[in-house]
C-alpha cells in the first residue's frame, strides 16, 4: 500500500532562499533512496518562508533507513535556517485503507 511522509519547514526571516536551495538539492538524494516512490517540494503560496516536502515510500522502514543519506553537517546548517525544528508525520491513503477493510 505504501506510506506518505509529509514534512514542514519554516525558514527564519531572510533564509527562505537558502532553505529552498538546500531542499531542492536534497530531493534527488531522497528520490534515489531504495523504497522511495516520489518526492515533491512545495513552497507556501502566501508564505514564501513555508516549505513542505511530500515523500511517497514503500513503507516507514524504507524512509527511516534513508534518513542517514543527508550528511549531519548539512542537517546542522539547515537547522540554523529554521524558525523551529521541522515537523512531519506518516500518512496512509484513507480511501485505499478503507477499501482493504471492507
PDB file of N, CA and C in Angstrom:
ATOM      1  N   UNK A   1       0.824  -1.197   0.000  1.00  0.00           N
ATOM      2  CA  UNK A   1       0.000   0.000   0.000  1.00  0.00           C
ATOM      3  C   UNK A   1       0.867   1.259   0.000  1.00  0.00           C
ATOM      4  N   UNK A   2       1.982   1.266   0.691  1.00  0.00           N
ATOM      5  CA  UNK A   2       2.836   2.441   0.720  1.00  0.00           C
ATOM      6  C   UNK A   2       2.447   3.399   1.824  1.00  0.00           C
ATOM      7  N   UNK A   3       3.308   4.389   2.019  1.00  0.00           N
ATOM      8  CA  UNK A   3       3.098   5.384   3.062  1.00  0.00           C
ATOM      9  C   UNK A   3       3.573   6.731   2.542  1.00  0.00           C
ATOM     10  N   UNK A   4       2.910   7.783   2.989  1.00  0.00           N
ATOM     11  CA  UNK A   4       3.289   9.149   2.626  1.00  0.00           C
ATOM     12  C   UNK A   4       3.890   9.822   3.846  1.00  0.00           C
ATOM     13  N   UNK A   5       5.004  10.487   3.644  1.00  0.00           N
ATOM     14  CA  UNK A   5       5.636  11.277   4.704  1.00  0.00           C
ATOM     15  C   UNK A   5       5.501  12.740   4.306  1.00  0.00           C
ATOM     16  N   UNK A   6       4.916  13.545   5.191  1.00  0.00           N
ATOM     17  CA  UNK A   6       4.767  14.979   4.945  1.00  0.00           C
ATOM     18  C   UNK A   6       5.608  15.715   5.982  1.00  0.00           C
ATOM     19  N   UNK A   7       6.530  16.537   5.495  1.00  0.00           N
ATOM     20  CA  UNK A   7       7.452  17.299   6.343  1.00  0.00           C
ATOM     21  C   UNK A   7       7.221  18.783   6.116  1.00  0.00           C
ATOM     22  N   UNK A   8       7.262  19.557   7.194  1.00  0.00           N
ATOM     23  CA  UNK A   8       7.056  21.002   7.088  1.00  0.00           C
ATOM     24  C   UNK A   8       8.262  21.741   7.651  1.00  0.00           C
ATOM     25  N   UNK A   9       8.715  22.751   6.892  1.00  0.00           N
ATOM     26  CA  UNK A   9       9.867  23.561   7.264  1.00  0.00           C
ATOM     27  C   UNK A   9       9.472  25.029   7.188  1.00  0.00           C
ATOM     28  N   UNK A  10       9.839  25.809   8.208  1.00  0.00           N
ATOM     29  CA  UNK A  10       9.586  27.249   8.177  1.00  0.00           C
ATOM     30  C   UNK A  10      10.917  27.979   8.347  1.00  0.00           C
ATOM     31  N   UNK A  11      11.252  28.770   7.339  1.00  0.00           N
ATOM     32  CA  UNK A  11      12.535  29.480   7.326  1.00  0.00           C
ATOM     33  C   UNK A  11      12.504  30.714   8.222  1.00  0.00           C
ATOM     34  N   UNK A  12      13.657  30.990   8.818  1.00  0.00           N
ATOM     35  CA  UNK A  12      13.834  32.258   9.541  1.00  0.00           C
ATOM     36  C   UNK A  12      13.788  33.401   8.528  1.00  0.00           C
ATOM     37  N   UNK A  13      13.493  34.581   9.014  1.00  0.00           N
ATOM     38  CA  UNK A  13      13.493  35.771   8.172  1.00  0.00           C
ATOM     39  C   UNK A  13      14.830  35.869   7.444  1.00  0.00           C
ATOM     40  N   UNK A  14      14.792  36.048   6.135  1.00  0.00           N
ATOM     41  CA  UNK A  14      15.995  36.185   5.329  1.00  0.00           C
ATOM     42  C   UNK A  14      16.651  34.878   4.922  1.00  0.00           C
ATOM     43  N   UNK A  15      16.064  33.735   5.314  1.00  0.00           N
ATOM     44  CA  UNK A  15      16.661  32.441   4.997  1.00  0.00           C
ATOM     45  C   UNK A  15      15.804  31.582   4.062  1.00  0.00           C
ATOM     46  N   UNK A  16      14.744  32.146   3.517  1.00  0.00           N
ATOM     47  CA  UNK A  16      13.863  31.356   2.650  1.00  0.00           C
ATOM     48  C   UNK A  16      14.594  30.854   1.404  1.00  0.00           C
ATOM     49  N   UNK A  17      15.340  31.707   0.740  1.00  0.00           N
ATOM     50  CA  UNK A  17      16.034  31.295  -0.489  1.00  0.00           C
ATOM     51  C   UNK A  17      17.087  30.222  -0.210  1.00  0.00           C
ATOM     52  N   UNK A  18      17.952  30.389   0.824  1.00  0.00           N
ATOM     53  CA  UNK A  18      18.915  29.322   1.096  1.00  0.00           C
ATOM     54  C   UNK A  18      18.248  28.010   1.509  1.00  0.00           C
ATOM     55  N   UNK A  19      17.140  28.092   2.253  1.00  0.00           N
ATOM     56  CA  UNK A  19      16.429  26.871   2.636  1.00  0.00           C
ATOM     57  C   UNK A  19      15.840  26.201   1.404  1.00  0.00           C
ATOM     58  N   UNK A  20      15.231  26.978   0.510  1.00  0.00           N
ATOM     59  CA  UNK A  20      14.679  26.430  -0.732  1.00  0.00           C
ATOM     60  C   UNK A  20      15.777  25.732  -1.529  1.00  0.00           C
ATOM     61  N   UNK A  21      16.938  26.372  -1.632  1.00  0.00           N
ATOM     62  CA  UNK A  21      18.050  25.783  -2.379  1.00  0.00           C
ATOM     63  C   UNK A  21      18.514  24.472  -1.745  1.00  0.00           C
ATOM     64  N   UNK A  22      18.609  24.449  -0.423  1.00  0.00           N
ATOM     65  CA  UNK A  22      19.006  23.222   0.272  1.00  0.00           C
ATOM     66  C   UNK A  22      18.000  22.106  -0.005  1.00  0.00           C
ATOM     67  N   UNK A  23      16.708  22.412   0.172  1.00  0.00           N
ATOM     68  CA  UNK A  23      15.680  21.386  -0.025  1.00  0.00           C
ATOM     69  C   UNK A  23      15.646  20.901  -1.473  1.00  0.00           C
ATOM     70  N   UNK A  24      15.799  21.819  -2.421  1.00  0.00           N
ATOM     71  CA  UNK A  24      15.880  21.416  -3.835  1.00  0.00           C
ATOM     72  C   UNK A  24      17.034  20.443  -4.046  1.00  0.00           C
ATOM     73  N   UNK A  25      18.143  20.707  -3.369  1.00  0.00           N
ATOM     74  CA  UNK A  25      19.322  19.873  -3.527  1.00  0.00           C
ATOM     75  C   UNK A  25      19.183  18.479  -2.938  1.00  0.00           C
ATOM     76  N   UNK A  26      18.352  18.328  -1.892  1.00  0.00           N
ATOM     77  CA  UNK A  26      18.219  17.000  -1.285  1.00  0.00           C
ATOM     78  C   UNK A  26      17.131  16.151  -1.941  1.00  0.00           C
ATOM     79  N   UNK A  27      16.250  16.748  -2.725  1.00  0.00           N
ATOM     80  CA  UNK A  27      15.185  15.967  -3.373  1.00  0.00           C
ATOM     81  C   UNK A  27      15.766  14.815  -4.204  1.00  0.00           C
ATOM     82  N   UNK A  28      16.777  15.030  -5.054  1.00  0.00           N
ATOM     83  CA  UNK A  28      17.330  13.897  -5.812  1.00  0.00           C
ATOM     84  C   UNK A  28      17.934  12.816  -4.909  1.00  0.00           C
ATOM     85  N   UNK A  29      18.519  13.220  -3.789  1.00  0.00           N
ATOM     86  CA  UNK A  29      19.080  12.251  -2.845  1.00  0.00           C
ATOM     87  C   UNK A  29      17.972  11.393  -2.260  1.00  0.00           C
ATOM     88  N   UNK A  30      16.870  12.017  -1.900  1.00  0.00           N
ATOM     89  CA  UNK A  30      15.724  11.283  -1.356  1.00  0.00           C
ATOM     90  C   UNK A  30      15.155  10.351  -2.418  1.00  0.00           C
ATOM     91  N   UNK A  31      14.958  10.881  -3.625  1.00  0.00           N
ATOM     92  CA  UNK A  31      14.377  10.070  -4.700  1.00  0.00           C
ATOM     93  C   UNK A  31      15.232   8.851  -5.048  1.00  0.00           C
ATOM     94  N   UNK A  32      16.533   8.958  -4.851  1.00  0.00           N
ATOM     95  CA  UNK A  32      17.438   7.857  -5.184  1.00  0.00           C
ATOM     96  C   UNK A  32      17.482   6.776  -4.108  1.00  0.00           C
ATOM     97  N   UNK A  33      16.871   7.027  -2.975  1.00  0.00           N
ATOM     98  CA  UNK A  33      16.910   6.065  -1.869  1.00  0.00           C
ATOM     99  C   UNK A  33      16.035   4.853  -2.183  1.00  0.00           C
ATOM    100  N   UNK A  34      16.490   3.666  -1.810  1.00  0.00           N
ATOM    101  CA  UNK A  34      15.670   2.465  -2.002  1.00  0.00           C
ATOM    102  C   UNK A  34      14.324   2.611  -1.282  1.00  0.00           C
ATOM    103  N   UNK A  35      13.263   2.308  -1.998  1.00  0.00           N
ATOM    104  CA  UNK A  35      11.926   2.372  -1.422  1.00  0.00           C
ATOM    105  C   UNK A  35      11.209   3.689  -1.619  1.00  0.00           C
ATOM    106  N   UNK A  36      11.911   4.705  -2.146  1.00  0.00           N
ATOM    107  CA  UNK A  36      11.258   5.994  -2.400  1.00  0.00           C
ATOM    108  C   UNK A  36      10.524   5.937  -3.734  1.00  0.00           C
ATOM    109  N   UNK A  37       9.270   6.255  -3.704  1.00  0.00           N
ATOM    110  CA  UNK A  37       8.455   6.272  -4.925  1.00  0.00           C
ATOM    111  C   UNK A  37       8.430   7.652  -5.576  1.00  0.00           C
ATOM    112  N   UNK A  38       8.442   8.713  -4.730  1.00  0.00           N
ATOM    113  CA  UNK A  38       8.464  10.077  -5.257  1.00  0.00           C
ATOM    114  C   UNK A  38       8.765  11.047  -4.129  1.00  0.00           C
ATOM    115  N   UNK A  39       9.162  12.260  -4.520  1.00  0.00           N
ATOM    116  CA  UNK A  39       9.439  13.315  -3.554  1.00  0.00           C
ATOM    117  C   UNK A  39       9.119  14.648  -4.222  1.00  0.00           C
ATOM    118  N   UNK A  40       8.316  15.468  -3.533  1.00  0.00           N
ATOM    119  CA  UNK A  40       7.952  16.782  -4.066  1.00  0.00           C
ATOM    120  C   UNK A  40       8.272  17.854  -3.040  1.00  0.00           C
ATOM    121  N   UNK A  41       8.713  18.992  -3.517  1.00  0.00           N
ATOM    122  CA  UNK A  41       8.963  20.156  -2.684  1.00  0.00           C
ATOM    123  C   UNK A  41       7.940  21.224  -3.047  1.00  0.00           C
ATOM    124  N   UNK A  42       7.211  21.701  -2.047  1.00  0.00           N
ATOM    125  CA  UNK A  42       6.215  22.745  -2.254  1.00  0.00           C
ATOM    126  C   UNK A  42       6.576  23.962  -1.423  1.00  0.00           C
ATOM    127  N   UNK A  43       6.314  25.151  -1.980  1.00  0.00           N
ATOM    128  CA  UNK A  43       6.565  26.410  -1.288  1.00  0.00           C
ATOM    129  C   UNK A  43       5.231  27.089  -1.034  1.00  0.00           C
ATOM    130  N   UNK A  44       5.071  27.683   0.153  1.00  0.00           N
ATOM    131  CA  UNK A  44       3.817  28.340   0.501  1.00  0.00           C
ATOM    132  C   UNK A  44       3.459  29.426  -0.498  1.00  0.00           C
ATOM    133  N   UNK A  45       2.244  29.396  -0.984  1.00  0.00           N
ATOM    134  CA  UNK A  45       1.781  30.384  -1.966  1.00  0.00           C
ATOM    135  C   UNK A  45       1.728  31.778  -1.338  1.00  0.00           C
ATOM    136  N   UNK A  46       1.157  31.868  -0.160  1.00  0.00           N
ATOM    137  CA  UNK A  46       1.050  33.160   0.507  1.00  0.00           C
ATOM    138  C   UNK A  46       2.143  33.397   1.536  1.00  0.00           C
ATOM    139  N   UNK A  47       2.977  32.388   1.756  1.00  0.00           N
ATOM    140  CA  UNK A  47       4.035  32.488   2.758  1.00  0.00           C
ATOM    141  C   UNK A  47       5.302  31.846   2.199  1.00  0.00           C
ATOM    142  N   UNK A  48       6.187  32.644   1.615  1.00  0.00           N
ATOM    143  CA  UNK A  48       7.383  32.082   0.989  1.00  0.00           C
ATOM    144  C   UNK A  48       8.406  31.524   1.979  1.00  0.00           C
ATOM    145  N   UNK A  49       8.127  31.623   3.287  1.00  0.00           N
ATOM    146  CA  UNK A  49       9.027  31.021   4.270  1.00  0.00           C
ATOM    147  C   UNK A  49       8.597  29.602   4.626  1.00  0.00           C
ATOM    148  N   UNK A  50       7.462  29.157   4.105  1.00  0.00           N
ATOM    149  CA  UNK A  50       6.924  27.840   4.426  1.00  0.00           C
ATOM    150  C   UNK A  50       7.180  26.864   3.275  1.00  0.00           C
ATOM    151  N   UNK A  51       7.771  25.715   3.621  1.00  0.00           N
ATOM    152  CA  UNK A  51       8.057  24.668   2.639  1.00  0.00           C
ATOM    153  C   UNK A  51       7.513  23.344   3.153  1.00  0.00           C
ATOM    154  N   UNK A  52       7.002  22.543   2.235  1.00  0.00           N
ATOM    155  CA  UNK A  52       6.502  21.218   2.561  1.00  0.00           C
ATOM    156  C   UNK A  52       7.168  20.233   1.600  1.00  0.00           C
ATOM    157  N   UNK A  53       7.649  19.126   2.159  1.00  0.00           N
ATOM    158  CA  UNK A  53       8.206  18.046   1.355  1.00  0.00           C
ATOM    159  C   UNK A  53       7.264  16.857   1.514  1.00  0.00           C
ATOM    160  N   UNK A  54       6.755  16.369   0.386  1.00  0.00           N
ATOM    161  CA  UNK A  54       5.851  15.223   0.381  1.00  0.00           C
ATOM    162  C   UNK A  54       6.590  14.057  -0.260  1.00  0.00           C
ATOM    163  N   UNK A  55       6.769  13.016   0.535  1.00  0.00           N
ATOM    164  CA  UNK A  55       7.515  11.844   0.090  1.00  0.00           C
ATOM    165  C   UNK A  55       6.594  10.627   0.073  1.00  0.00           C
ATOM    166  N   UNK A  56       6.697   9.830  -0.969  1.00  0.00           N
ATOM    167  CA  UNK A  56       5.959   8.566  -1.063  1.00  0.00           C
ATOM    168  C   UNK A  56       6.973   7.435  -0.931  1.00  0.00           C
ATOM    169  N   UNK A  57       6.691   6.501  -0.003  1.00  0.00           N
ATOM    170  CA  UNK A  57       7.617   5.407   0.294  1.00  0.00           C
ATOM    171  C   UNK A  57       6.907   4.061   0.249  1.00  0.00           C
ATOM    172  N   UNK A  58       7.699   3.015   0.022  1.00  0.00           N
ATOM    173  CA  UNK A  58       7.151   1.661   0.090  1.00  0.00           C
ATOM    174  C   UNK A  58       6.629   1.372   1.492  1.00  0.00           C
ATOM    175  N   UNK A  59       7.391   1.833   2.506  1.00  0.00           N
ATOM    176  CA  UNK A  59       6.987   1.628   3.898  1.00  0.00           C
ATOM    177  C   UNK A  59       7.793   2.573   4.794  1.00  0.00           C
ATOM    178  N   UNK A  60       7.413   2.657   6.058  1.00  0.00           N
ATOM    179  CA  UNK A  60       8.077   3.547   7.011  1.00  0.00           C
ATOM    180  C   UNK A  60       9.538   3.151   7.189  1.00  0.00           C
ATOM    181  N   UNK A  61       9.814   1.865   7.196  1.00  0.00           N
ATOM    182  CA  UNK A  61      11.185   1.405   7.387  1.00  0.00           C
ATOM    183  C   UNK A  61      12.109   1.919   6.282  1.00  0.00           C
ATOM    184  N   UNK A  62      11.624   1.973   5.051  1.00  0.00           N
ATOM    185  CA  UNK A  62      12.437   2.488   3.944  1.00  0.00           C
ATOM    186  C   UNK A  62      12.772   3.960   4.177  1.00  0.00           C
ATOM    187  N   UNK A  63      11.796   4.728   4.639  1.00  0.00           N
ATOM    188  CA  UNK A  63      12.046   6.141   4.927  1.00  0.00           C
ATOM    189  C   UNK A  63      13.073   6.290   6.039  1.00  0.00           C
ATOM    190  N   UNK A  64      12.899   5.537   7.096  1.00  0.00           N
ATOM    191  CA  UNK A  64      13.831   5.630   8.228  1.00  0.00           C
ATOM    192  C   UNK A  64      15.245   5.226   7.812  1.00  0.00           C
ATOM    193  N   UNK A  65      15.358   4.214   6.981  1.00  0.00           N
ATOM    194  CA  UNK A  65      16.672   3.770   6.514  1.00  0.00           C
ATOM    195  C   UNK A  65      17.343   4.850   5.668  1.00  0.00           C
ATOM    196  N   UNK A  66      16.548   5.636   4.954  1.00  0.00           N
ATOM    197  CA  UNK A  66      17.091   6.667   4.067  1.00  0.00           C
ATOM    198  C   UNK A  66      17.454   7.948   4.806  1.00  0.00           C
ATOM    199  N   UNK A  67      17.022   8.093   6.037  1.00  0.00           N
ATOM    200  CA  UNK A  67      17.244   9.353   6.749  1.00  0.00           C
ATOM    201  C   UNK A  67      18.721   9.680   6.931  1.00  0.00           C
ATOM    202  N   UNK A  68      19.590   8.702   6.899  1.00  0.00           N
ATOM    203  CA  UNK A  68      21.015   8.940   7.051  1.00  0.00           C
ATOM    204  C   UNK A  68      21.727   9.365   5.779  1.00  0.00           C
ATOM    205  N   UNK A  69      21.009   9.503   4.690  1.00  0.00           N
ATOM    206  CA  UNK A  69      21.638   9.852   3.407  1.00  0.00           C
ATOM    207  C   UNK A  69      22.082  11.311   3.341  1.00  0.00           C
ATOM    208  N   UNK A  70      21.524  12.159   4.209  1.00  0.00           N
ATOM    209  CA  UNK A  70      21.911  13.570   4.227  1.00  0.00           C
ATOM    210  C   UNK A  70      22.967  13.732   5.319  1.00  0.00           C
ATOM    211  N   UNK A  71      24.151  14.222   4.967  1.00  0.00           N
ATOM    212  CA  UNK A  71      25.234  14.332   5.947  1.00  0.00           C
ATOM    213  C   UNK A  71      24.856  15.191   7.157  1.00  0.00           C
ATOM    214  N   UNK A  72      25.270  14.777   8.355  1.00  0.00           N
ATOM    215  CA  UNK A  72      24.930  15.509   9.583  1.00  0.00           C
ATOM    216  C   UNK A  72      25.341  16.979   9.561  1.00  0.00           C
ATOM    217  N   UNK A  73      26.477  17.304   8.925  1.00  0.00           N
ATOM    218  CA  UNK A  73      26.895  18.709   8.883  1.00  0.00           C
ATOM    219  C   UNK A  73      25.928  19.550   8.056  1.00  0.00           C
ATOM    220  N   UNK A  74      25.351  18.966   7.010  1.00  0.00           N
ATOM    221  CA  UNK A  74      24.343  19.681   6.220  1.00  0.00           C
ATOM    222  C   UNK A  74      23.063  19.871   7.028  1.00  0.00           C
ATOM    223  N   UNK A  75      22.686  18.869   7.813  1.00  0.00           N
ATOM    224  CA  UNK A  75      21.500  18.992   8.655  1.00  0.00           C
ATOM    225  C   UNK A  75      21.684  20.088   9.696  1.00  0.00           C
ATOM    226  N   UNK A  76      22.874  20.220  10.251  1.00  0.00           N
ATOM    227  CA  UNK A  76      23.148  21.290  11.212  1.00  0.00           C
ATOM    228  C   UNK A  76      23.024  22.658  10.555  1.00  0.00           C
ATOM    229  N   UNK A  77      23.502  22.767   9.329  1.00  0.00           N
ATOM    230  CA  UNK A  77      23.412  24.037   8.610  1.00  0.00           C
ATOM    231  C   UNK A  77      21.957  24.421   8.363  1.00  0.00           C
ATOM    232  N   UNK A  78      21.136  23.450   7.982  1.00  0.00           N
ATOM    233  CA  UNK A  78      19.738  23.763   7.685  1.00  0.00           C
ATOM    234  C   UNK A  78      18.975  24.110   8.962  1.00  0.00           C
ATOM    235  N   UNK A  79      19.321  23.491  10.087  1.00  0.00           N
ATOM    236  CA  UNK A  79      18.628  23.800  11.339  1.00  0.00           C
ATOM    237  C   UNK A  79      18.795  25.272  11.705  1.00  0.00           C
ATOM    238  N   UNK A  80      19.935  25.860  11.360  1.00  0.00           N
ATOM    239  CA  UNK A  80      20.172  27.277  11.639  1.00  0.00           C
ATOM    240  C   UNK A  80      19.291  28.187  10.785  1.00  0.00           C
ATOM    241  N   UNK A  81      18.738  27.655   9.712  1.00  0.00           N
ATOM    242  CA  UNK A  81      17.874  28.441   8.826  1.00  0.00           C
ATOM    243  C   UNK A  81      16.408  28.411   9.251  1.00  0.00           C
ATOM    244  N   UNK A  82      16.068  27.562  10.228  1.00  0.00           N
ATOM    245  CA  UNK A  82      14.679  27.318  10.580  1.00  0.00           C
ATOM    246  C   UNK A  82      14.237  28.088  11.819  1.00  0.00           C
ATOM    247  N   UNK A  83      12.977  28.475  11.838  1.00  0.00           N
ATOM    248  CA  UNK A  83      12.362  29.111  12.990  1.00  0.00           C
ATOM    249  C   UNK A  83      12.234  28.102  14.128  1.00  0.00           C
ATOM    250  N   UNK A  84      11.901  26.863  13.771  1.00  0.00           N
ATOM    251  CA  UNK A  84      11.694  25.780  14.734  1.00  0.00           C
ATOM    252  C   UNK A  84      12.075  24.469  14.054  1.00  0.00           C
ATOM    253  N   UNK A  85      12.281  23.413  14.830  1.00  0.00           N
ATOM    254  CA  UNK A  85      12.596  22.135  14.188  1.00  0.00           C
ATOM    255  C   UNK A  85      11.503  21.739  13.193  1.00  0.00           C
ATOM    256  N   UNK A  86      11.868  21.063  12.123  1.00  0.00           N
ATOM    257  CA  UNK A  86      10.859  20.662  11.148  1.00  0.00           C
ATOM    258  C   UNK A  86       9.855  19.700  11.771  1.00  0.00           C
ATOM    259  N   UNK A  87       8.634  19.779  11.276  1.00  0.00           N
ATOM    260  CA  UNK A  87       7.592  18.862  11.727  1.00  0.00           C
ATOM    261  C   UNK A  87       7.272  17.881  10.621  1.00  0.00           C
ATOM    262  N   UNK A  88       6.729  16.745  10.999  1.00  0.00           N
ATOM    263  CA  UNK A  88       6.352  15.781   9.980  1.00  0.00           C
ATOM    264  C   UNK A  88       5.694  14.565  10.578  1.00  0.00           C
ATOM    265  N   UNK A  89       5.013  13.818   9.714  1.00  0.00           N
ATOM    266  CA  UNK A  89       4.349  12.593  10.146  1.00  0.00           C
ATOM    267  C   UNK A  89       4.115  11.704   8.935  1.00  0.00           C
ATOM    268  N   UNK A  90       3.718  10.472   9.236  1.00  0.00           N
ATOM    269  CA  UNK A  90       3.409   9.483   8.209  1.00  0.00           C
ATOM    270  C   UNK A  90       1.903   9.403   8.020  1.00  0.00           C
ATOM    271  N   UNK A  91       1.488   9.170   6.765  1.00  0.00           N
ATOM    272  CA  UNK A  91       0.074   9.074   6.434  1.00  0.00           C
ATOM    273  C   UNK A  91      -0.159   7.894   5.507  1.00  0.00           C
ATOM    274  N   UNK A  92      -1.348   7.309   5.626  1.00  0.00           N
ATOM    275  CA  UNK A  92      -1.791   6.266   4.700  1.00  0.00           C
ATOM    276  C   UNK A  92      -2.924   6.821   3.863  1.00  0.00           C
ATOM    277  N   UNK A  93      -3.119   6.261   2.705  1.00  0.00           N
ATOM    278  CA  UNK A  93      -4.235   6.634   1.853  1.00  0.00           C
ATOM    279  C   UNK A  93      -5.510   6.119   2.506  1.00  0.00           C
ATOM    280  N   UNK A  94      -6.344   7.016   3.000  1.00  0.00           N
ATOM    281  CA  UNK A  94      -7.539   6.628   3.743  1.00  0.00           C
ATOM    282  C   UNK A  94      -8.542   5.877   2.868  1.00  0.00           C
ATOM    283  N   UNK A  95      -8.630   6.220   1.608  1.00  0.00           N
ATOM    284  CA  UNK A  95      -9.560   5.506   0.730  1.00  0.00           C
ATOM    285  C   UNK A  95      -9.071   4.097   0.461  1.00  0.00           C
ATOM    286  N   UNK A  96      -7.781   3.950   0.248  1.00  0.00           N
ATOM    287  CA  UNK A  96      -7.201   2.641  -0.006  1.00  0.00           C
ATOM    288  C   UNK A  96      -7.307   1.763   1.263  1.00  0.00           C
ATOM    289  N   UNK A  97      -7.024   2.343   2.420  1.00  0.00           N
ATOM    290  CA  UNK A  97      -7.093   1.600   3.678  1.00  0.00           C
ATOM    291  C   UNK A  97      -8.526   1.168   3.965  1.00  0.00           C
ATOM    292  N   UNK A  98      -9.494   2.029   3.684  1.00  0.00           N
ATOM    293  CA  UNK A  98     -10.891   1.705   3.932  1.00  0.00           C
ATOM    294  C   UNK A  98     -11.351   0.569   3.044  1.00  0.00           C
ATOM    295  N   UNK A  99     -10.982   0.590   1.776  1.00  0.00           N
ATOM    296  CA  UNK A  99     -11.428  -0.476   0.871  1.00  0.00           C
ATOM    297  C   UNK A  99     -10.775  -1.814   1.227  1.00  0.00           C
ATOM    298  N   UNK A 100      -9.600  -1.792   1.827  1.00  0.00           N
ATOM    299  CA  UNK A 100      -8.940  -3.040   2.223  1.00  0.00           C
ATOM    300  C   UNK A 100      -9.662  -3.678   3.389  1.00  0.00           C
ATOM    301  N   UNK A 101     -10.302  -2.854   4.246  1.00  0.00           N
ATOM    302  CA  UNK A 101     -11.021  -3.371   5.412  1.00  0.00           C
ATOM    303  C   UNK A 101     -12.384  -3.909   5.009  1.00  0.00           C
ATOM    304  N   UNK A 102     -13.012  -3.259   4.044  1.00  0.00           N
ATOM    305  CA  UNK A 102     -14.392  -3.632   3.651  1.00  0.00           C
ATOM    306  C   UNK A 102     -14.446  -4.890   2.829  1.00  0.00           C
TER     307      UNK A 102
END
